[in-house]
Structures are given as structure tokens and as C-alpha cells.
Amino acid sequence: MGATKSQPDYLCHDCGQPLDARLQADGKGGYYVIVTCWNPDCLLRTFTRSLSSYATLTDTDWEAYRAMNRVQAQAI
């Protein structure tokens, strides 16, 4: 999301790169924002959450997602 968009840039918790932000239908006629980091060098890559839940994660939550990506990287 660049400066010409109406939504601000959301930054990755770990790498600080802009997150990919998209609208997701909520099934009730509305929408919410989901965000994903696509930086291949970030341990939070491919991690997608709603923006509201992304903002409330604890250090333990963040480390659990990093650990999943570490395991996936070792399997490749």
C-alpha cells in the first residue's frame, strides 16, 4: 500500500517492511483488513492475521510464528 492509497502502510513487527494489506469479507456484509509479510528473509513471512489481532499479539505468539517458519525453512 503506497502513499497514493487511502489506507496507511502497516509495517511488519520483525523486519519493518510494509505488510500486504487486503480486505477480507466478514460474511455479514462487511469487511476487515488482513495483513501478510511477504519478505522472504523475515521469520514472519507468509504469516497472515487480521490487522486487529496482529496488533494484540504477545511476544510468545510472535515467537510461535517464527518457530513455524524456522521449521519450514529447515525442511526445504
N, C-alpha and C. Protein backbone atom coordinates (compact mmCIF):
# COMPACT_ATOMS: atom_id res chain seq x y z
N MET A 1 0.85 -1.16 0.00
CA MET A 1 0.00 0.00 0.00
C MET A 1 0.90 1.24 0.00
N GLY A 2 0.83 2.00 -1.01
CA GLY A 2 1.69 3.16 -1.11
C GLY A 2 1.01 4.43 -0.65
N ALA A 3 1.72 5.52 -0.81
CA ALA A 3 1.23 6.82 -0.35
C ALA A 3 0.00 7.29 -1.10
N THR A 4 -0.23 6.75 -2.29
CA THR A 4 -1.40 7.18 -3.07
C THR A 4 -2.67 6.46 -2.63
N LYS A 5 -2.57 5.45 -1.80
CA LYS A 5 -3.72 4.71 -1.32
C LYS A 5 -4.34 5.44 -0.13
N SER A 6 -5.60 5.15 0.14
CA SER A 6 -6.26 5.80 1.27
C SER A 6 -5.90 5.14 2.59
N GLN A 7 -5.43 3.88 2.56
CA GLN A 7 -5.03 3.21 3.79
C GLN A 7 -3.55 3.47 4.05
N PRO A 8 -3.17 3.60 5.32
CA PRO A 8 -1.75 3.80 5.63
C PRO A 8 -0.97 2.50 5.44
N ASP A 9 0.35 2.61 5.38
CA ASP A 9 1.20 1.42 5.35
C ASP A 9 1.21 0.80 6.73
N TYR A 10 1.11 -0.51 6.78
CA TYR A 10 1.25 -1.26 8.02
C TYR A 10 2.58 -1.98 7.93
N LEU A 11 3.37 -1.93 8.98
CA LEU A 11 4.73 -2.48 8.94
C LEU A 11 4.83 -3.78 9.71
N CYS A 12 5.68 -4.67 9.20
CA CYS A 12 5.93 -5.96 9.85
C CYS A 12 6.55 -5.74 11.22
N HIS A 13 6.09 -6.51 12.17
CA HIS A 13 6.59 -6.45 13.55
C HIS A 13 8.09 -6.70 13.61
N ASP A 14 8.62 -7.61 12.78
CA ASP A 14 10.02 -8.00 12.85
C ASP A 14 10.92 -7.25 11.87
N CYS A 15 10.58 -7.29 10.58
CA CYS A 15 11.50 -6.73 9.58
C CYS A 15 11.22 -5.27 9.27
N GLY A 16 10.05 -4.77 9.64
CA GLY A 16 9.72 -3.37 9.41
C GLY A 16 9.30 -3.04 7.98
N GLN A 17 9.24 -4.05 7.11
CA GLN A 17 8.80 -3.82 5.74
C GLN A 17 7.28 -3.65 5.70
N PRO A 18 6.77 -2.93 4.71
CA PRO A 18 5.31 -2.78 4.61
C PRO A 18 4.64 -4.14 4.44
N LEU A 19 3.55 -4.33 5.15
CA LEU A 19 2.75 -5.54 5.03
C LEU A 19 1.80 -5.41 3.85
N ASP A 20 1.49 -6.52 3.23
CA ASP A 20 0.45 -6.56 2.22
C ASP A 20 -0.88 -6.51 2.98
N ALA A 21 -1.69 -5.51 2.71
CA ALA A 21 -2.98 -5.34 3.39
C ALA A 21 -4.10 -5.51 2.38
N ARG A 22 -5.05 -6.35 2.73
CA ARG A 22 -6.18 -6.63 1.84
C ARG A 22 -7.47 -6.67 2.65
N LEU A 23 -8.57 -6.45 1.97
CA LEU A 23 -9.87 -6.55 2.62
C LEU A 23 -10.38 -7.99 2.52
N GLN A 24 -10.92 -8.48 3.62
CA GLN A 24 -11.50 -9.82 3.69
C GLN A 24 -12.95 -9.68 4.08
N ALA A 25 -13.84 -10.32 3.35
CA ALA A 25 -15.27 -10.28 3.70
C ALA A 25 -15.48 -10.96 5.05
N ASP A 26 -16.35 -10.36 5.87
CA ASP A 26 -16.62 -10.94 7.18
C ASP A 26 -17.83 -11.86 7.20
N GLY A 27 -18.49 -12.05 6.05
CA GLY A 27 -19.64 -12.93 5.98
C GLY A 27 -20.94 -12.30 6.45
N LYS A 28 -20.87 -11.04 6.86
CA LYS A 28 -22.04 -10.32 7.35
C LYS A 28 -22.29 -9.06 6.53
N GLY A 29 -21.67 -8.98 5.37
CA GLY A 29 -21.83 -7.81 4.52
C GLY A 29 -20.77 -6.75 4.72
N GLY A 30 -19.85 -6.99 5.63
CA GLY A 30 -18.77 -6.05 5.89
C GLY A 30 -17.42 -6.64 5.55
N TYR A 31 -16.39 -5.92 5.93
CA TYR A 31 -15.02 -6.33 5.64
C TYR A 31 -14.12 -6.01 6.81
N TYR A 32 -12.98 -6.69 6.85
CA TYR A 32 -11.91 -6.33 7.78
C TYR A 32 -10.59 -6.45 7.03
N VAL A 33 -9.55 -5.85 7.58
CA VAL A 33 -8.24 -5.83 6.94
C VAL A 33 -7.43 -7.04 7.41
N ILE A 34 -6.85 -7.77 6.45
CA ILE A 34 -5.88 -8.82 6.79
C ILE A 34 -4.52 -8.37 6.28
N VAL A 35 -3.47 -8.72 7.02
CA VAL A 35 -2.11 -8.30 6.66
C VAL A 35 -1.19 -9.52 6.60
N THR A 36 -0.22 -9.45 5.67
CA THR A 36 0.75 -10.53 5.48
C THR A 36 2.11 -9.93 5.17
N CYS A 37 3.16 -10.49 5.75
CA CYS A 37 4.52 -10.12 5.39
C CYS A 37 5.00 -11.11 4.33
N TRP A 38 5.48 -10.59 3.20
CA TRP A 38 5.97 -11.45 2.12
C TRP A 38 7.50 -11.37 1.98
N ASN A 39 8.19 -10.73 2.90
CA ASN A 39 9.65 -10.62 2.85
C ASN A 39 10.26 -12.01 3.06
N PRO A 40 10.94 -12.59 2.05
CA PRO A 40 11.46 -13.94 2.18
C PRO A 40 12.53 -14.09 3.27
N ASP A 41 13.12 -12.99 3.70
CA ASP A 41 14.15 -13.05 4.73
C ASP A 41 13.59 -12.87 6.15
N CYS A 42 12.29 -12.69 6.28
CA CYS A 42 11.67 -12.43 7.57
C CYS A 42 11.09 -13.71 8.15
N LEU A 43 11.27 -13.92 9.44
CA LEU A 43 10.71 -15.10 10.08
C LEU A 43 9.20 -15.00 10.30
N LEU A 44 8.60 -13.87 9.94
CA LEU A 44 7.14 -13.76 9.98
C LEU A 44 6.54 -13.80 8.57
N ARG A 45 7.34 -14.22 7.57
CA ARG A 45 6.84 -14.28 6.20
C ARG A 45 5.67 -15.25 6.10
N THR A 46 4.75 -14.94 5.26
CA THR A 46 3.52 -15.69 4.98
C THR A 46 2.55 -15.75 6.15
N PHE A 47 2.87 -15.10 7.23
CA PHE A 47 2.01 -15.06 8.42
C PHE A 47 0.90 -14.04 8.18
N THR A 48 -0.34 -14.50 8.12
CA THR A 48 -1.48 -13.64 7.83
C THR A 48 -2.43 -13.60 9.01
N ARG A 49 -2.79 -12.40 9.42
CA ARG A 49 -3.74 -12.20 10.52
C ARG A 49 -4.59 -10.99 10.19
N SER A 50 -5.71 -10.88 10.90
CA SER A 50 -6.47 -9.64 10.80
C SER A 50 -5.63 -8.55 11.44
N LEU A 51 -5.77 -7.34 10.94
CA LEU A 51 -4.98 -6.23 11.48
C LEU A 51 -5.24 -6.05 12.97
N SER A 52 -6.48 -6.21 13.40
CA SER A 52 -6.79 -6.01 14.82
C SER A 52 -6.13 -7.07 15.69
N SER A 53 -6.08 -8.32 15.24
CA SER A 53 -5.42 -9.35 16.06
C SER A 53 -3.90 -9.23 15.96
N TYR A 54 -3.38 -8.80 14.82
CA TYR A 54 -1.93 -8.60 14.64
C TYR A 54 -1.40 -7.63 15.69
N ALA A 55 -2.19 -6.60 15.97
CA ALA A 55 -1.77 -5.56 16.90
C ALA A 55 -1.80 -6.01 18.36
N THR A 56 -2.41 -7.15 18.65
CA THR A 56 -2.55 -7.58 20.05
C THR A 56 -1.71 -8.80 20.41
N LEU A 57 -0.89 -9.29 19.48
CA LEU A 57 -0.10 -10.49 19.75
C LEU A 57 0.96 -10.25 20.82
N THR A 58 1.23 -11.28 21.60
CA THR A 58 2.24 -11.22 22.65
C THR A 58 3.59 -11.69 22.11
N ASP A 59 4.64 -11.49 22.89
CA ASP A 59 5.96 -11.97 22.49
C ASP A 59 5.94 -13.48 22.27
N THR A 60 5.19 -14.20 23.09
CA THR A 60 5.07 -15.66 22.95
C THR A 60 4.40 -16.01 21.62
N ASP A 61 3.36 -15.28 21.26
CA ASP A 61 2.69 -15.51 19.97
C ASP A 61 3.64 -15.28 18.81
N TRP A 62 4.37 -14.15 18.85
CA TRP A 62 5.31 -13.85 17.76
C TRP A 62 6.33 -14.97 17.62
N GLU A 63 6.87 -15.45 18.74
CA GLU A 63 7.91 -16.48 18.69
C GLU A 63 7.34 -17.79 18.14
N ALA A 64 6.10 -18.10 18.42
CA ALA A 64 5.49 -19.32 17.88
C ALA A 64 5.44 -19.27 16.35
N TYR A 65 5.11 -18.13 15.79
CA TYR A 65 5.09 -17.99 14.33
C TYR A 65 6.49 -18.04 13.74
N ARG A 66 7.44 -17.43 14.43
CA ARG A 66 8.83 -17.51 13.95
C ARG A 66 9.30 -18.96 13.95
N ALA A 67 8.98 -19.69 15.00
CA ALA A 67 9.40 -21.09 15.12
C ALA A 67 8.82 -21.92 13.98
N MET A 68 7.56 -21.68 13.62
CA MET A 68 6.96 -22.42 12.50
C MET A 68 7.74 -22.17 11.21
N ASN A 69 8.14 -20.93 10.96
CA ASN A 69 8.88 -20.61 9.74
C ASN A 69 10.30 -21.17 9.80
N ARG A 70 10.90 -21.23 10.98
CA ARG A 70 12.23 -21.86 11.10
C ARG A 70 12.14 -23.34 10.71
N VAL A 71 11.12 -24.03 11.20
CA VAL A 71 10.95 -25.45 10.89
C VAL A 71 10.73 -25.64 9.40
N GLN A 72 9.89 -24.81 8.79
CA GLN A 72 9.64 -24.91 7.35
C GLN A 72 10.91 -24.67 6.55
N ALA A 73 11.73 -23.72 6.99
CA ALA A 73 12.97 -23.40 6.27
C ALA A 73 13.95 -24.59 6.34
N GLN A 74 13.98 -25.27 7.47
CA GLN A 74 14.88 -26.41 7.63
C GLN A 74 14.44 -27.60 6.78
N ALA A 75 13.14 -27.69 6.51
CA ALA A 75 12.60 -28.81 5.73
C ALA A 75 12.89 -28.67 4.24
N ILE A 76 13.22 -27.47 3.82
CA ILE A 76 13.47 -27.23 2.39
C ILE A 76 14.89 -27.58 2.02
